[in-house]
Amino acid sequence: MHPLTIRDIREWLIINQAEYKKLKAEKFPPLDNEMYWLYGDLYRIIEFYSLTHNTHIAIQEFNAIQNFDFKHLVLWTKKHEVLGAKKLILFEIDYFDWIEEVDKDLLKIKDGIYMEATPFKETLLFCRIFQILYWNFDITNMELTNEEIKNLQNDLMTLLNNK
C-alpha cells in the first residue's frame, strides 16, 4: 500500500479534471464510474486541507489555556464552533474511521485508499478536542457540575497524553 500525499491528490485532480467535468455535465451521475466518485472524495480532502491553518491557530489557542480552565475552554469552544461543528463535521464523518484500526500515520479516504495523516495532524487533534468539549460535554449549552468538569478535564488530559 502506497499512501497518497497532498501533492499526489492535487496532481490526480488536475489530470482528471476534464473527465470529471464531462461526467458531471451528464444528465444523471454515472453511478458505475469509480473515477467520478473518487474525484469528489479527493476534492473534499483538498477542501479540508484548506482549513489546516485555522486548526493550527485553534490548537495554539487551546495550548495557551492553563490547567484546562473551564471558562476558557467554553470561550475557546464557542470561538471555534463554526469550524468544529460546521466546516469540519463532514471531515469527521467521512475520514475518521472509528471502527477500523488504521495505522495512526494514515488517514482512510475510502476502502483501500489511504493518505498520509501528517498534513492533518492538528486537524485531527482539533476534532478530537472539539468532540470532547462540544459533542460529549456540550459545554457551550450546559452548566456542568464540578464532577463533570473534572471528567472533562481528565478526558482532555488522556487525549493529549495519548496523541
C-alpha atoms as a PDB file:
ATOM      1  CA  MET A   1       0.000   0.000   0.000  1.00  0.00           C
ATOM      2  CA  HIS A   2       1.347   3.375  -1.015  1.00  0.00           C
ATOM      3  CA  PRO A   3      -0.326   6.214   0.919  1.00  0.00           C
ATOM      4  CA  LEU A   4      -1.140   9.329  -1.079  1.00  0.00           C
ATOM      5  CA  THR A   5       0.285  12.747  -0.304  1.00  0.00           C
ATOM      6  CA  ILE A   6      -1.469  16.095  -0.725  1.00  0.00           C
ATOM      7  CA  ARG A   7       0.683  16.601  -3.815  1.00  0.00           C
ATOM      8  CA  ASP A   8      -0.412  13.233  -5.276  1.00  0.00           C
ATOM      9  CA  ILE A   9      -4.046  14.167  -4.716  1.00  0.00           C
ATOM     10  CA  ARG A  10      -3.695  17.613  -6.303  1.00  0.00           C
ATOM     11  CA  GLU A  11      -1.918  16.160  -9.345  1.00  0.00           C
ATOM     12  CA  TRP A  12      -4.554  13.445  -9.752  1.00  0.00           C
ATOM     13  CA  LEU A  13      -7.340  16.023  -9.530  1.00  0.00           C
ATOM     14  CA  ILE A  14      -5.683  18.185 -12.193  1.00  0.00           C
ATOM     15  CA  ILE A  15      -5.088  15.224 -14.516  1.00  0.00           C
ATOM     16  CA  ASN A  16      -8.687  14.001 -14.166  1.00  0.00           C
ATOM     17  CA  GLN A  17     -10.469  17.363 -14.035  1.00  0.00           C
ATOM     18  CA  ALA A  18     -11.627  17.387 -17.670  1.00  0.00           C
ATOM     19  CA  GLU A  19     -13.006  13.838 -17.458  1.00  0.00           C
ATOM     20  CA  TYR A  20     -14.780  14.655 -14.175  1.00  0.00           C
ATOM     21  CA  LYS A  21     -16.374  17.807 -15.633  1.00  0.00           C
ATOM     22  CA  LYS A  22     -17.536  15.806 -18.647  1.00  0.00           C
ATOM     23  CA  LEU A  23     -19.133  13.166 -16.396  1.00  0.00           C
ATOM     24  CA  LYS A  24     -20.636  15.792 -14.111  1.00  0.00           C
ATOM     25  CA  ALA A  25     -22.265  17.516 -17.090  1.00  0.00           C
ATOM     26  CA  GLU A  26     -24.251  14.372 -17.896  1.00  0.00           C
ATOM     27  CA  LYS A  27     -27.951  14.414 -17.066  1.00  0.00           C
ATOM     28  CA  PHE A  28     -27.546  11.659 -14.437  1.00  0.00           C
ATOM     29  CA  PRO A  29     -24.447  10.915 -12.373  1.00  0.00           C
ATOM     30  CA  PRO A  30     -22.562   7.878 -13.659  1.00  0.00           C
ATOM     31  CA  LEU A  31     -23.213   5.515 -10.754  1.00  0.00           C
ATOM     32  CA  ASP A  32     -20.832   2.863 -12.054  1.00  0.00           C
ATOM     33  CA  ASN A  33     -17.865   5.177 -12.695  1.00  0.00           C
ATOM     34  CA  GLU A  34     -15.360   4.822  -9.834  1.00  0.00           C
ATOM     35  CA  MET A  35     -13.258   7.803 -11.021  1.00  0.00           C
ATOM     36  CA  TYR A  36     -16.276  10.104 -10.743  1.00  0.00           C
ATOM     37  CA  TRP A  37     -16.850   9.221  -7.087  1.00  0.00           C
ATOM     38  CA  LEU A  38     -13.158   9.177  -6.183  1.00  0.00           C
ATOM     39  CA  TYR A  39     -12.760  12.662  -7.653  1.00  0.00           C
ATOM     40  CA  GLY A  40     -15.373  14.000  -5.217  1.00  0.00           C
ATOM     41  CA  ASP A  41     -13.722  12.257  -2.259  1.00  0.00           C
ATOM     42  CA  LEU A  42     -10.277  13.609  -3.114  1.00  0.00           C
ATOM     43  CA  TYR A  43     -11.607  17.095  -3.865  1.00  0.00           C
ATOM     44  CA  ARG A  44     -13.165  17.212  -0.392  1.00  0.00           C
ATOM     45  CA  ILE A  45      -9.794  16.267   1.128  1.00  0.00           C
ATOM     46  CA  ILE A  46      -8.252  19.321  -0.537  1.00  0.00           C
ATOM     47  CA  GLU A  47     -11.116  21.483   0.748  1.00  0.00           C
ATOM     48  CA  PHE A  48     -10.456  20.224   4.279  1.00  0.00           C
ATOM     49  CA  TYR A  49      -6.739  20.777   3.769  1.00  0.00           C
ATOM     50  CA  SER A  50      -7.507  24.464   3.180  1.00  0.00           C
ATOM     51  CA  LEU A  51      -8.721  24.584   6.813  1.00  0.00           C
ATOM     52  CA  THR A  52      -5.444  23.342   8.335  1.00  0.00           C
ATOM     53  CA  HIS A  53      -4.282  26.895   9.026  1.00  0.00           C
ATOM     54  CA  ASN A  54      -7.461  27.507  11.034  1.00  0.00           C
ATOM     55  CA  THR A  55      -6.952  24.351  13.078  1.00  0.00           C
ATOM     56  CA  HIS A  56      -3.307  25.263  13.667  1.00  0.00           C
ATOM     57  CA  ILE A  57      -4.378  28.584  15.191  1.00  0.00           C
ATOM     58  CA  ALA A  58      -7.115  26.896  17.239  1.00  0.00           C
ATOM     59  CA  ILE A  59      -4.637  24.349  18.649  1.00  0.00           C
ATOM     60  CA  GLN A  60      -2.191  27.125  19.564  1.00  0.00           C
ATOM     61  CA  GLU A  61      -5.002  28.923  21.404  1.00  0.00           C
ATOM     62  CA  PHE A  62      -6.039  25.686  23.113  1.00  0.00           C
ATOM     63  CA  ASN A  63      -2.460  25.044  24.260  1.00  0.00           C
ATOM     64  CA  ALA A  64      -2.408  28.502  25.871  1.00  0.00           C
ATOM     65  CA  ILE A  65      -5.309  27.593  28.178  1.00  0.00           C
ATOM     66  CA  GLN A  66      -3.833  26.989  31.621  1.00  0.00           C
ATOM     67  CA  ASN A  67      -4.851  23.842  33.526  1.00  0.00           C
ATOM     68  CA  PHE A  68      -7.864  23.285  31.268  1.00  0.00           C
ATOM     69  CA  ASP A  69      -9.576  26.271  32.873  1.00  0.00           C
ATOM     70  CA  PHE A  70     -13.276  25.634  32.290  1.00  0.00           C
ATOM     71  CA  LYS A  71     -14.269  29.232  31.477  1.00  0.00           C
ATOM     72  CA  HIS A  72     -11.507  29.480  28.878  1.00  0.00           C
ATOM     73  CA  LEU A  73     -12.476  26.103  27.421  1.00  0.00           C
ATOM     74  CA  VAL A  74     -16.049  27.375  26.980  1.00  0.00           C
ATOM     75  CA  LEU A  75     -14.791  30.537  25.258  1.00  0.00           C
ATOM     76  CA  TRP A  76     -12.451  28.509  23.028  1.00  0.00           C
ATOM     77  CA  THR A  77     -15.252  26.136  22.060  1.00  0.00           C
ATOM     78  CA  LYS A  78     -17.644  28.985  21.245  1.00  0.00           C
ATOM     79  CA  LYS A  79     -14.980  30.760  19.205  1.00  0.00           C
ATOM     80  CA  HIS A  80     -14.310  27.646  17.125  1.00  0.00           C
ATOM     81  CA  GLU A  81     -17.885  26.345  16.956  1.00  0.00           C
ATOM     82  CA  VAL A  82     -18.316  27.077  13.241  1.00  0.00           C
ATOM     83  CA  LEU A  83     -15.017  25.387  12.412  1.00  0.00           C
ATOM     84  CA  GLY A  84     -15.709  22.299  14.502  1.00  0.00           C
ATOM     85  CA  ALA A  85     -19.474  21.863  14.210  1.00  0.00           C
ATOM     86  CA  LYS A  86     -19.988  23.039  10.632  1.00  0.00           C
ATOM     87  CA  LYS A  87     -16.848  23.158   8.492  1.00  0.00           C
ATOM     88  CA  LEU A  88     -15.163  20.023   9.855  1.00  0.00           C
ATOM     89  CA  ILE A  89     -18.201  17.925  10.722  1.00  0.00           C
ATOM     90  CA  LEU A  90     -18.016  16.075   7.405  1.00  0.00           C
ATOM     91  CA  PHE A  91     -14.272  15.597   7.839  1.00  0.00           C
ATOM     92  CA  GLU A  92     -15.022  13.575  10.943  1.00  0.00           C
ATOM     93  CA  ILE A  93     -17.844  11.670   9.285  1.00  0.00           C
ATOM     94  CA  ASP A  94     -16.012  10.974   6.031  1.00  0.00           C
ATOM     95  CA  TYR A  95     -12.438  10.397   7.139  1.00  0.00           C
ATOM     96  CA  PHE A  96     -12.419   9.247  10.748  1.00  0.00           C
ATOM     97  CA  ASP A  97     -12.758   5.508  10.586  1.00  0.00           C
ATOM     98  CA  TRP A  98     -13.785   4.825  14.165  1.00  0.00           C
ATOM     99  CA  ILE A  99     -14.296   1.094  13.567  1.00  0.00           C
ATOM    100  CA  GLU A 100     -11.281   0.014  11.546  1.00  0.00           C
ATOM    101  CA  GLU A 101      -7.962   0.484  13.294  1.00  0.00           C
ATOM    102  CA  VAL A 102      -5.873   2.190  10.648  1.00  0.00           C
ATOM    103  CA  ASP A 103      -2.203   2.985  11.155  1.00  0.00           C
ATOM    104  CA  LYS A 104      -2.097   6.244  13.132  1.00  0.00           C
ATOM    105  CA  ASP A 105       0.064   7.766  10.392  1.00  0.00           C
ATOM    106  CA  LEU A 106      -2.589   7.139   7.738  1.00  0.00           C
ATOM    107  CA  LEU A 107      -5.953   8.676   7.021  1.00  0.00           C
ATOM    108  CA  LYS A 108      -8.534   6.445   5.332  1.00  0.00           C
ATOM    109  CA  ILE A 109     -10.130   8.091   2.312  1.00  0.00           C
ATOM    110  CA  LYS A 110     -12.178   5.058   1.303  1.00  0.00           C
ATOM    111  CA  ASP A 111     -11.707   1.299   1.246  1.00  0.00           C
ATOM    112  CA  GLY A 112      -8.203   0.563   0.021  1.00  0.00           C
ATOM    113  CA  ILE A 113      -7.210   4.219  -0.412  1.00  0.00           C
ATOM    114  CA  TYR A 114      -5.202   5.946   2.286  1.00  0.00           C
ATOM    115  CA  MET A 115      -3.209   9.122   2.586  1.00  0.00           C
ATOM    116  CA  GLU A 116      -0.546  10.405   4.911  1.00  0.00           C
ATOM    117  CA  ALA A 117      -2.146  11.811   8.066  1.00  0.00           C
ATOM    118  CA  THR A 118       0.706  14.259   8.710  1.00  0.00           C
ATOM    119  CA  PRO A 119      -0.908  17.238   6.899  1.00  0.00           C
ATOM    120  CA  PHE A 120      -3.985  16.767   9.093  1.00  0.00           C
ATOM    121  CA  LYS A 121      -2.224  16.141  12.412  1.00  0.00           C
ATOM    122  CA  GLU A 122      -3.550  19.326  14.046  1.00  0.00           C
ATOM    123  CA  THR A 123      -6.932  18.997  12.341  1.00  0.00           C
ATOM    124  CA  LEU A 124      -7.321  15.509  13.805  1.00  0.00           C
ATOM    125  CA  LEU A 125      -6.299  16.781  17.242  1.00  0.00           C
ATOM    126  CA  PHE A 126      -8.687  19.726  16.941  1.00  0.00           C
ATOM    127  CA  CYS A 127     -11.561  17.394  16.016  1.00  0.00           C
ATOM    128  CA  ARG A 128     -10.857  15.116  18.964  1.00  0.00           C
ATOM    129  CA  ILE A 129     -10.661  18.030  21.411  1.00  0.00           C
ATOM    130  CA  PHE A 130     -13.792  19.591  19.930  1.00  0.00           C
ATOM    131  CA  GLN A 131     -15.546  16.205  20.164  1.00  0.00           C
ATOM    132  CA  ILE A 132     -14.956  16.118  23.909  1.00  0.00           C
ATOM    133  CA  LEU A 133     -15.877  19.734  24.599  1.00  0.00           C
ATOM    134  CA  TYR A 134     -18.756  20.291  22.213  1.00  0.00           C
ATOM    135  CA  TRP A 135     -20.327  16.930  21.454  1.00  0.00           C
ATOM    136  CA  ASN A 136     -19.553  14.861  24.559  1.00  0.00           C
ATOM    137  CA  PHE A 137     -19.949  17.531  27.250  1.00  0.00           C
ATOM    138  CA  ASP A 138     -21.883  20.237  25.348  1.00  0.00           C
ATOM    139  CA  ILE A 139     -20.055  22.915  27.348  1.00  0.00           C
ATOM    140  CA  THR A 140     -21.464  25.817  25.362  1.00  0.00           C
ATOM    141  CA  ASN A 141     -25.072  24.979  26.271  1.00  0.00           C
ATOM    142  CA  MET A 142     -24.987  23.277  29.652  1.00  0.00           C
ATOM    143  CA  GLU A 143     -23.975  24.023  33.185  1.00  0.00           C
ATOM    144  CA  LEU A 144     -21.645  21.266  34.316  1.00  0.00           C
ATOM    145  CA  THR A 145     -21.173  20.031  37.839  1.00  0.00           C
ATOM    146  CA  ASN A 146     -17.718  20.062  39.396  1.00  0.00           C
ATOM    147  CA  GLU A 147     -17.506  16.315  38.849  1.00  0.00           C
ATOM    148  CA  GLU A 148     -18.449  16.676  35.158  1.00  0.00           C
ATOM    149  CA  ILE A 149     -15.814  19.401  34.754  1.00  0.00           C
ATOM    150  CA  LYS A 150     -13.244  17.114  36.361  1.00  0.00           C
ATOM    151  CA  ASN A 151     -14.275  14.278  33.991  1.00  0.00           C
ATOM    152  CA  LEU A 152     -13.976  16.631  31.016  1.00  0.00           C
ATOM    153  CA  GLN A 153     -10.510  17.727  32.135  1.00  0.00           C
ATOM    154  CA  ASN A 154      -9.481  14.086  32.633  1.00  0.00           C
ATOM    155  CA  ASP A 155     -10.724  13.208  29.143  1.00  0.00           C
ATOM    156  CA  LEU A 156      -8.675  16.068  27.677  1.00  0.00           C
ATOM    157  CA  MET A 157      -5.600  15.033  29.642  1.00  0.00           C
ATOM    158  CA  THR A 158      -5.963  11.414  28.491  1.00  0.00           C
ATOM    159  CA  LEU A 159      -6.353  12.548  24.885  1.00  0.00           C
ATOM    160  CA  LEU A 160      -3.298  14.791  24.995  1.00  0.00           C
ATOM    161  CA  ASN A 161      -1.172  12.162  26.729  1.00  0.00           C
ATOM    162  CA  ASN A 162      -2.056   9.603  24.029  1.00  0.00           C
ATOM    163  CA  LYS A 163      -1.606  11.788  20.954  1.00  0.00           C
END
